[in-house]
Protein backbone atom coordinates (compact mmCIF):
# COMPACT_ATOMS: atom_id res chain seq x y z
CA MET A 1 99.46 58.03 113.59
CA THR A 2 97.67 61.25 112.61
CA VAL A 3 100.99 63.04 112.06
CA ALA A 4 102.11 60.13 109.82
CA VAL A 5 98.93 60.30 107.69
CA PHE A 6 99.40 64.06 107.35
CA VAL A 7 103.12 63.87 106.37
CA PHE A 8 102.88 60.83 104.13
CA SER A 9 99.85 62.03 102.19
CA LEU A 10 101.46 65.42 101.59
CA ILE A 11 104.81 64.01 100.54
CA ALA A 12 103.19 61.30 98.38
CA ALA A 13 101.08 63.83 96.52
CA MET A 14 104.08 66.03 95.87
CA ALA A 15 106.17 63.03 94.82
CA LEU A 16 103.49 62.28 92.21
CA GLY A 17 104.23 65.70 90.73
CA MET A 18 101.10 67.50 91.95
CA PRO A 19 101.35 71.29 92.43
CA ILE A 20 101.64 72.05 96.08
CA ALA A 21 98.11 73.59 96.32
CA TYR A 22 96.53 70.38 95.01
CA ALA A 23 98.82 68.32 97.25
CA LEU A 24 97.48 70.23 100.29
CA LEU A 25 93.90 69.50 99.16
CA VAL A 26 94.74 65.79 98.77
CA CYS A 27 96.29 65.93 102.25
CA GLY A 28 93.09 67.48 103.58
CA VAL A 29 90.96 64.76 101.97
CA CYS A 30 93.18 62.00 103.45
CA LEU A 31 93.17 63.58 106.88
CA MET A 32 89.33 63.90 106.90
CA GLY A 33 88.98 60.27 105.68
CA PHE A 34 91.28 59.08 108.47
CA LEU A 35 89.53 61.20 111.13
CA ALA A 36 86.13 59.93 109.89
CA ALA A 37 87.38 56.33 110.05
CA THR A 38 88.73 56.70 113.57
CA GLY A 39 85.55 58.40 114.88
CA VAL A 40 87.08 61.89 115.55
CA LEU A 41 84.66 63.24 112.88
CA PRO A 42 81.13 61.78 112.47
CA ALA A 43 81.59 61.27 108.69
CA PHE A 44 83.46 62.38 105.62
CA ASP A 45 81.82 65.52 104.40
CA SER A 46 83.00 67.10 101.14
CA GLN A 47 80.81 70.20 101.78
CA ILE A 48 82.92 71.05 104.87
CA LEU A 49 86.05 70.83 102.73
CA ALA A 50 84.58 73.11 100.08
CA GLN A 51 83.40 75.64 102.76
CA ARG A 52 86.77 75.70 104.47
CA PHE A 53 88.39 76.24 101.05
CA VAL A 54 86.19 79.33 100.34
CA ASP A 55 86.67 80.62 103.89
CA GLY A 56 90.36 80.48 103.48
CA ALA A 57 90.41 83.25 100.95
CA ASP A 58 87.56 85.15 102.59
CA ASN A 59 89.80 87.29 104.79
CA PHE A 60 90.12 91.07 104.68
CA PRO A 61 93.88 91.33 105.43
CA LEU A 62 94.61 89.16 102.39
CA LEU A 63 93.43 92.02 100.18
CA ALA A 64 96.90 93.49 100.87
CA VAL A 65 98.46 90.74 98.73
CA PRO A 66 97.21 91.81 95.29
CA PHE A 67 97.73 95.54 96.00
CA PHE A 68 101.35 95.08 97.12
CA LEU A 69 101.98 92.86 94.16
CA LEU A 70 100.44 95.51 91.87
CA ALA A 71 102.60 98.14 93.58
CA GLY A 72 105.67 96.05 92.70
CA GLU A 73 104.65 95.78 89.06
CA PHE A 74 104.03 99.58 88.85
CA MET A 75 107.36 100.17 90.68
CA ASN A 76 109.38 98.16 88.16
CA ALA A 77 107.58 99.46 85.06
CA GLY A 78 107.52 103.01 86.23
CA GLY A 79 111.27 103.44 86.76
CA LEU A 80 111.37 103.50 90.59
CA SER A 81 113.68 100.47 90.73
CA LYS A 82 116.07 101.98 88.17
CA ARG A 83 116.37 105.23 90.12
CA ILE A 84 117.09 103.37 93.39
CA VAL A 85 119.97 101.57 91.68
CA ASN A 86 121.20 104.90 90.22
CA LEU A 87 121.07 106.34 93.71
CA GLY A 88 123.36 103.60 95.05
CA VAL A 89 125.78 103.93 92.07
CA ALA A 90 126.05 107.70 92.77
CA TRP A 91 127.09 107.34 96.34
CA VAL A 92 128.99 104.05 96.71
CA GLY A 93 129.74 103.00 93.12
CA HIS A 94 133.30 104.41 93.24
CA TYR A 95 134.46 102.13 96.08
CA ARG A 96 136.15 98.82 95.54
CA GLY A 97 133.35 96.33 94.97
CA GLY A 98 131.09 99.36 94.70
CA LEU A 99 128.44 97.71 92.51
CA GLY A 100 128.07 95.01 95.25
CA TYR A 101 127.29 97.66 97.83
CA VAL A 102 124.86 99.20 95.30
CA ALA A 103 123.10 95.79 95.17
CA VAL A 104 122.80 95.73 98.97
CA ILE A 105 121.51 99.15 99.29
CA ALA A 106 119.09 98.81 96.46
CA ALA A 107 117.87 95.50 97.88
CA ILE A 108 117.09 97.09 101.24
CA ILE A 109 115.21 100.00 99.73
CA MET A 110 113.33 97.91 97.19
CA ALA A 111 112.36 95.49 99.95
CA SER A 112 110.55 98.32 101.63
CA LEU A 113 108.51 98.96 98.38
CA SER A 114 107.07 95.65 97.17
CA GLY A 115 107.43 92.86 99.76
CA SER A 116 107.98 90.15 97.16
CA ALA A 117 111.42 88.39 96.99
CA VAL A 118 110.95 87.14 93.49
CA ALA A 119 109.83 90.43 92.04
CA ASP A 120 112.66 92.40 93.78
CA THR A 121 115.37 89.91 92.76
CA ALA A 122 114.14 89.86 89.10
CA ALA A 123 114.17 93.66 88.91
CA LEU A 124 117.64 93.99 90.59
CA ALA A 125 119.14 91.04 88.59
CA ALA A 126 117.98 92.58 85.27
CA ILE A 127 119.67 95.89 86.13
CA LEU A 128 122.74 95.01 88.12
CA ILE A 129 124.01 91.62 86.83
CA PRO A 130 124.79 92.90 83.34
CA MET A 131 126.42 95.96 84.87
CA MET A 132 128.58 93.79 87.21
CA LYS A 133 129.42 91.41 84.38
CA ALA A 134 130.52 94.23 82.11
CA ALA A 135 132.67 95.66 84.95
CA GLY A 136 134.48 92.35 85.38
CA TYR A 137 132.91 90.99 88.51
CA ASP A 138 132.68 87.20 89.03
CA VAL A 139 129.19 86.45 87.70
CA PRO A 140 128.17 83.56 90.00
CA ARG A 141 129.32 85.64 92.98
CA SER A 142 127.40 88.72 91.72
CA ALA A 143 124.27 86.56 91.12
CA GLY A 144 124.59 85.10 94.61
CA LEU A 145 124.77 88.57 96.17
CA VAL A 146 121.73 89.76 94.22
CA ALA A 147 119.81 86.64 95.29
CA ALA A 148 120.78 87.11 98.97
CA GLY A 149 119.67 90.75 98.77
CA GLY A 150 116.36 89.73 97.19
CA ILE A 151 115.39 87.61 100.19
CA ILE A 152 115.35 90.69 102.49
CA ALA A 153 111.95 91.60 100.84
CA PRO A 154 109.87 89.20 102.94
CA VAL A 155 111.33 90.60 106.17
CA ILE A 156 111.19 94.37 105.75
CA PRO A 157 107.73 95.77 105.48
CA PRO A 158 105.61 95.70 103.46
CA SER A 159 105.98 91.93 103.47
CA ILE A 160 103.58 89.53 101.73
CA GLY A 161 105.04 86.77 103.90
CA PHE A 162 104.06 88.59 107.09
CA ILE A 163 100.54 89.06 105.70
CA ILE A 164 100.15 85.38 105.05
CA PHE A 165 101.67 84.35 108.41
CA GLY A 166 99.54 86.87 110.26
CA VAL A 167 96.40 85.54 108.71
CA ALA A 168 97.34 81.89 109.19
CA GLY A 169 98.58 82.41 112.80
CA ASN A 170 96.16 85.15 113.91
CA VAL A 171 99.03 87.54 114.67
CA SER A 172 98.93 91.35 114.33
CA ILE A 173 100.28 92.18 110.80
CA THR A 174 101.09 95.77 111.86
CA LYS A 175 103.29 94.48 114.69
CA LEU A 176 104.99 91.98 112.33
CA PHE A 177 105.69 94.74 109.86
CA LEU A 178 107.22 97.00 112.47
CA ALA A 179 109.19 94.20 114.13
CA GLY A 180 110.76 93.17 110.75
CA ILE A 181 112.50 96.43 110.18
CA VAL A 182 115.66 95.96 112.26
CA PRO A 183 116.17 92.23 111.43
CA GLY A 184 115.74 93.14 107.70
CA ILE A 185 118.39 95.86 107.94
CA MET A 186 120.66 93.41 109.88
CA MET A 187 120.31 90.92 107.01
CA GLY A 188 121.43 93.70 104.60
CA VAL A 189 124.38 94.64 106.78
CA ALA A 190 125.43 91.01 107.09
CA ILE A 191 125.58 90.42 103.33
CA GLY A 192 127.31 93.79 102.97
CA ILE A 193 130.02 92.63 105.35
CA ALA A 194 130.26 89.27 103.52
CA TRP A 195 130.61 91.12 100.19
CA TRP A 196 133.38 93.25 101.61
CA TRP A 197 135.19 90.07 102.59
CA VAL A 198 134.86 88.35 99.18
CA ALA A 199 135.26 91.64 97.13
CA LYS A 200 138.84 91.94 98.39
CA LYS A 201 139.63 89.06 95.87
CA GLU A 202 137.90 90.79 93.01
CA LYS A 203 140.44 92.53 90.61
CA VAL A 204 137.98 95.10 89.35
CA GLU A 205 138.75 98.77 89.05
CA PRO A 206 136.31 101.00 91.02
CA GLY A 207 133.97 103.08 88.94
CA PRO A 208 134.47 106.89 88.55
CA LYS A 209 133.60 109.12 91.49
CA LEU A 210 130.80 111.51 90.45
CA ALA A 211 130.85 115.18 91.25
CA LEU A 212 128.91 116.18 94.34
CA ALA A 213 126.45 118.26 92.39
CA GLU A 214 125.66 115.23 90.14
CA ARG A 215 125.20 113.01 93.14
CA TRP A 216 122.70 115.34 94.62
CA SER A 217 120.97 115.58 91.31
CA ILE A 218 120.49 111.83 91.12
CA THR A 219 119.32 111.79 94.73
CA PHE A 220 116.69 114.42 94.09
CA LYS A 221 115.46 112.40 91.09
CA SER A 222 115.03 109.30 93.30
CA LEU A 223 113.32 111.06 96.15
CA PHE A 224 109.81 109.99 94.89
CA ALA A 225 110.97 106.36 94.97
CA ILE A 226 112.47 106.34 98.45
CA ALA A 227 109.57 108.29 99.83
CA LEU A 228 107.28 105.30 99.47
CA PRO A 229 108.57 103.24 102.49
CA VAL A 230 108.45 106.36 104.61
CA ILE A 231 104.84 106.80 103.71
CA ILE A 232 103.96 103.18 104.37
CA ILE A 233 105.80 102.71 107.68
CA GLY A 234 105.06 106.25 108.94
CA GLY A 235 101.37 105.81 108.13
CA MET A 236 101.05 102.55 109.96
CA LYS A 237 102.98 103.75 112.93
CA ALA A 238 100.78 106.86 113.17
CA GLY A 239 97.61 104.75 112.83
CA VAL A 240 96.62 106.57 109.64
CA PHE A 241 96.05 103.27 107.81
CA THR A 242 96.09 99.52 108.29
CA PRO A 243 98.48 97.24 106.34
CA THR A 244 95.68 96.47 103.90
CA GLU A 245 95.04 100.15 103.33
CA ALA A 246 98.81 100.74 103.11
CA ALA A 247 98.88 98.28 100.18
CA VAL A 248 96.29 100.39 98.28
CA VAL A 249 98.29 103.52 99.08
CA ALA A 250 101.46 101.95 97.78
CA ALA A 251 99.81 100.83 94.58
CA VAL A 252 98.29 104.23 93.85
CA TYR A 253 101.50 106.06 94.74
CA ALA A 254 103.62 103.89 92.53
CA PHE A 255 101.11 104.31 89.67
CA ILE A 256 101.11 108.14 89.94
CA VAL A 257 104.90 108.39 90.24
CA GLY A 258 105.60 105.95 87.37
CA MET A 259 102.81 107.41 85.10
CA PHE A 260 102.92 111.12 85.75
CA ILE A 261 106.21 112.03 87.45
CA TYR A 262 108.86 109.68 85.95
CA ARG A 263 106.70 109.10 82.85
CA GLU A 264 108.24 105.69 82.13
CA MET A 265 105.00 103.80 82.44
CA HIS A 266 102.35 104.03 79.58
CA TRP A 267 98.65 103.36 79.43
CA GLY A 268 99.25 100.45 77.00
CA GLN A 269 101.18 98.67 79.77
CA ILE A 270 98.51 98.85 82.41
CA TYR A 271 96.46 95.79 81.26
CA GLY A 272 99.61 93.59 81.27
CA LEU A 273 100.67 94.85 84.72
CA PHE A 274 97.21 94.14 86.22
CA LEU A 275 97.27 90.72 84.54
CA ALA A 276 100.68 89.84 85.91
CA ALA A 277 99.69 90.90 89.45
CA GLY A 278 96.42 88.99 89.16
CA LYS A 279 98.08 85.73 88.04
CA THR A 280 100.50 85.91 90.98
CA THR A 281 97.67 86.75 93.37
CA ALA A 282 95.67 83.78 92.10
CA VAL A 283 98.48 81.43 92.82
CA VAL A 284 98.96 82.80 96.29
CA MET A 285 95.20 82.82 97.16
CA PHE A 286 94.72 79.28 95.85
CA LEU A 287 97.61 78.18 98.11
CA VAL A 288 96.15 80.00 101.08
CA SER A 289 92.67 78.49 100.55
CA ALA A 290 94.05 74.92 100.18
CA ALA A 291 96.28 75.31 103.17
CA MET A 292 93.36 76.50 105.29
CA VAL A 293 91.58 73.20 104.62
CA SER A 294 94.51 71.33 105.98
CA ALA A 295 94.94 73.78 108.81
CA TRP A 296 91.41 73.23 110.13
CA LEU A 297 91.90 69.47 109.96
CA ILE A 298 95.27 69.74 111.63
CA THR A 299 93.54 71.47 114.52
CA VAL A 300 90.71 68.92 114.62
CA ALA A 301 93.22 66.10 114.56
CA ASN A 302 95.09 67.60 117.51
CA ILE A 303 98.40 67.43 115.57
CA PRO A 304 99.78 70.53 117.30
CA ASN A 305 99.59 68.72 120.65
CA GLU A 306 101.28 65.71 119.19
CA VAL A 307 104.04 67.94 117.91
CA ALA A 308 104.25 69.67 121.33
CA SER A 309 104.68 66.19 122.94
CA MET A 310 107.58 65.52 120.55
CA LEU A 311 109.12 68.84 121.53
CA SER A 312 108.34 68.54 125.21
CA PRO A 313 112.04 68.03 126.23
CA PHE A 314 112.72 71.53 124.94
CA MET A 315 109.61 73.24 126.25
CA ASP A 316 111.20 74.58 129.42
CA ASN A 317 113.97 76.39 127.53
CA LYS A 318 112.63 78.96 125.04
CA THR A 319 115.96 79.49 123.38
CA LEU A 320 116.62 75.81 122.83
CA LEU A 321 113.01 75.33 121.63
CA MET A 322 113.44 78.25 119.07
CA PHE A 323 116.75 76.79 117.98
CA VAL A 324 115.24 73.32 117.30
CA MET A 325 112.21 74.83 115.42
CA MET A 326 114.54 76.98 113.33
CA ILE A 327 116.56 73.88 112.33
CA LEU A 328 113.29 72.17 111.43
CA ILE A 329 112.21 75.07 109.29
CA VAL A 330 115.60 75.31 107.54
CA VAL A 331 115.36 71.63 106.58
CA VAL A 332 111.70 71.93 105.37
CA GLY A 333 112.53 75.19 103.53
CA THR A 334 115.12 73.40 101.31
CA ALA A 335 112.35 71.14 99.97
CA LEU A 336 109.35 73.50 99.88
CA ASP A 337 108.73 76.95 98.49
CA PHE A 338 108.16 79.93 100.69
CA ALA A 339 104.31 80.18 100.87
CA PRO A 340 103.67 76.42 101.27
CA THR A 341 106.09 76.21 104.06
CA VAL A 342 104.51 79.14 105.92
CA LEU A 343 100.95 77.75 105.38
CA ILE A 344 101.82 74.18 106.35
CA LEU A 345 103.95 74.84 109.45
CA THR A 346 102.19 77.82 110.94
CA PRO A 347 99.14 75.95 112.26
CA VAL A 348 101.40 73.20 113.50
CA LEU A 349 103.99 75.34 115.32
CA MET A 350 101.97 78.26 116.53
CA PRO A 351 100.21 76.31 119.33
CA VAL A 352 103.64 75.10 120.47
CA VAL A 353 104.94 78.70 120.48
CA LEU A 354 102.01 79.97 122.50
CA LYS A 355 102.25 77.03 124.91
CA ALA A 356 105.95 77.74 125.50
CA GLY A 357 105.23 81.42 126.14
CA ILE A 358 107.27 82.72 123.13
CA ASP A 359 106.18 86.01 121.72
CA PRO A 360 104.29 85.16 118.50
CA VAL A 361 105.48 88.33 116.77
CA TYR A 362 109.08 87.51 117.56
CA PHE A 363 108.52 83.93 116.35
CA GLY A 364 106.84 85.19 113.19
CA VAL A 365 109.77 87.42 112.25
CA LEU A 366 112.30 84.52 112.65
CA PHE A 367 109.96 82.13 110.91
CA ILE A 368 109.53 84.38 107.85
CA MET A 369 113.32 85.18 107.76
CA ASN A 370 114.03 81.40 107.85
CA ASN A 371 111.61 80.68 105.04
CA ALA A 372 113.13 83.59 103.01
CA ILE A 373 116.53 82.02 103.42
CA GLY A 374 115.03 78.86 101.95
CA LEU A 375 114.47 80.75 98.73
CA ILE A 376 118.23 80.58 98.08
CA THR A 377 118.83 76.99 99.06
CA PRO A 378 118.62 74.07 96.51
CA PRO A 379 116.79 72.07 95.28
CA VAL A 380 113.78 74.49 95.08
CA GLY A 381 115.53 77.89 95.69
CA THR A 382 113.03 79.98 93.79
CA VAL A 383 115.10 83.18 93.99
CA LEU A 384 118.22 81.33 93.04
CA ASN A 385 116.44 80.04 89.92
CA VAL A 386 115.57 83.61 89.00
CA VAL A 387 119.17 84.89 89.11
CA CYS A 388 120.27 81.70 87.21
CA GLY A 389 117.96 82.64 84.39
CA VAL A 390 119.10 86.32 84.30
CA ALA A 391 122.81 85.59 84.76
CA LYS A 392 122.63 82.49 82.39
CA ILE A 393 124.51 80.26 84.90
CA ASP A 394 123.66 76.83 86.27
CA MET A 395 122.30 76.13 89.80
CA ASN A 396 125.59 74.65 91.08
CA SER A 397 127.52 77.91 90.15
CA ALA A 398 124.80 80.09 91.63
CA PHE A 399 124.79 78.07 94.91
CA LYS A 400 128.58 78.37 95.21
CA GLY A 401 128.22 82.11 94.56
CA VAL A 402 125.53 82.60 97.13
CA MET A 403 127.22 80.46 99.89
CA PRO A 404 129.12 83.34 101.70
CA PHE A 405 125.88 85.41 101.86
CA LEU A 406 123.79 82.39 102.92
CA ILE A 407 126.11 81.82 105.77
CA ALA A 408 125.88 85.50 106.72
CA GLN A 409 122.03 85.36 106.68
CA LEU A 410 122.11 82.20 108.86
CA ILE A 411 124.35 83.86 111.37
CA VAL A 412 121.87 86.73 111.69
CA LEU A 413 118.96 84.29 112.11
CA PHE A 414 120.63 82.39 114.91
CA LEU A 415 121.92 85.54 116.52
CA LEU A 416 118.24 86.60 116.88
CA VAL A 417 117.48 83.19 118.33
CA PHE A 418 119.89 83.79 121.13
CA ILE A 419 119.18 87.52 121.45
CA PRO A 420 115.46 88.03 121.16
CA GLU A 421 115.76 91.65 122.37
CA LEU A 422 117.15 92.52 118.92
CA VAL A 423 113.57 92.01 117.67
CA THR A 424 111.38 92.79 120.67
CA THR A 425 113.13 95.96 121.86
CA PRO A 426 112.88 97.89 118.60
CA LEU A 427 109.20 96.79 118.33
CA LYS A 428 108.40 98.30 121.65
CA TRP A 429 109.88 101.58 120.44
CA TRP A 430 107.99 101.48 117.14
CA MET A 431 104.73 100.81 119.06
CA ARG A 432 105.05 103.74 121.39
């Protein structure tokens, strides 16, 4: 009955058109009222709800969120994104379907800079889709490729998704960051292979092959941009700084490079960039706070044990259990946005994961990857909406365009379900 109250109150609030954060608060109020009525809690206490809401945001690792978002703003305004695209064009732009491979390479590199799927997709789409359209590429297919590349951002560090999951599930964020490197690269390789397959049908002449000296010149100019992921990952692996400190380093580095080295960012832009990062941070933090209210009540109501009982037929087989949970997350991810799905399902599924003896870091990587894939599935499909706006196409066209790459991403996801070592073995190497 408790699960029914939780699910019904949440769905009913969203059906009334409430923003997801407010729906989570309504869900928390309904849960507390039900628990007070059934004697699980002594009484309904609004002060506890308020305290839990404040405590939800009072978490040091969450400081990484605004700084990584700010780093992404500085990166796009300061010309780092543009130089990453130029680097790809210089080395692979002359192959058949070359701009598609540029999109894949740029997506992987940019994913290691900001950690935000929407920000990365918007930057890539603004640069590459007009280029691909002018070159004669199929626009919906190009938009689908850019969207599929954009969702690599939550998987490759620094990932805002890993930060939220790590806080909600009490899992090491550093380990999540390091464990996401190989799966993120696999996602890029998968959509690269899918693009190779569909690009054979494109009747587009390859771009001109640049002279070697010119390629190296472009590479040299992009060194400051591609050095950032090396600094972040290397610093965390060496224990020089934590993920939160890495976020500050990333923001400061992107500011210095954009302002004083590339000189494409100006003092007049700074207020707007801080404001944009602040607005996005406010949305994320409000969601986290609201979700923590529901998370506490979910624990009090013993919902994880009820879910574990429902999944008990699969508890003896870790692979089958992971498969079932991934199917569940895929379904939920089509209806909810990234952050709400993470915040709602983490407190429900993590106790099941721990009870079954599944590595929480391994689960976290697949969980975030699955939620990232939800960003390119209708009807919500936030990232898909971004490319629709840039490419000026409708959602149906964009979904048809993204389909081959969506299938490729799902193949990678379920490959990792059946071969956990693809995540755990590289993590052991990184942690040495």
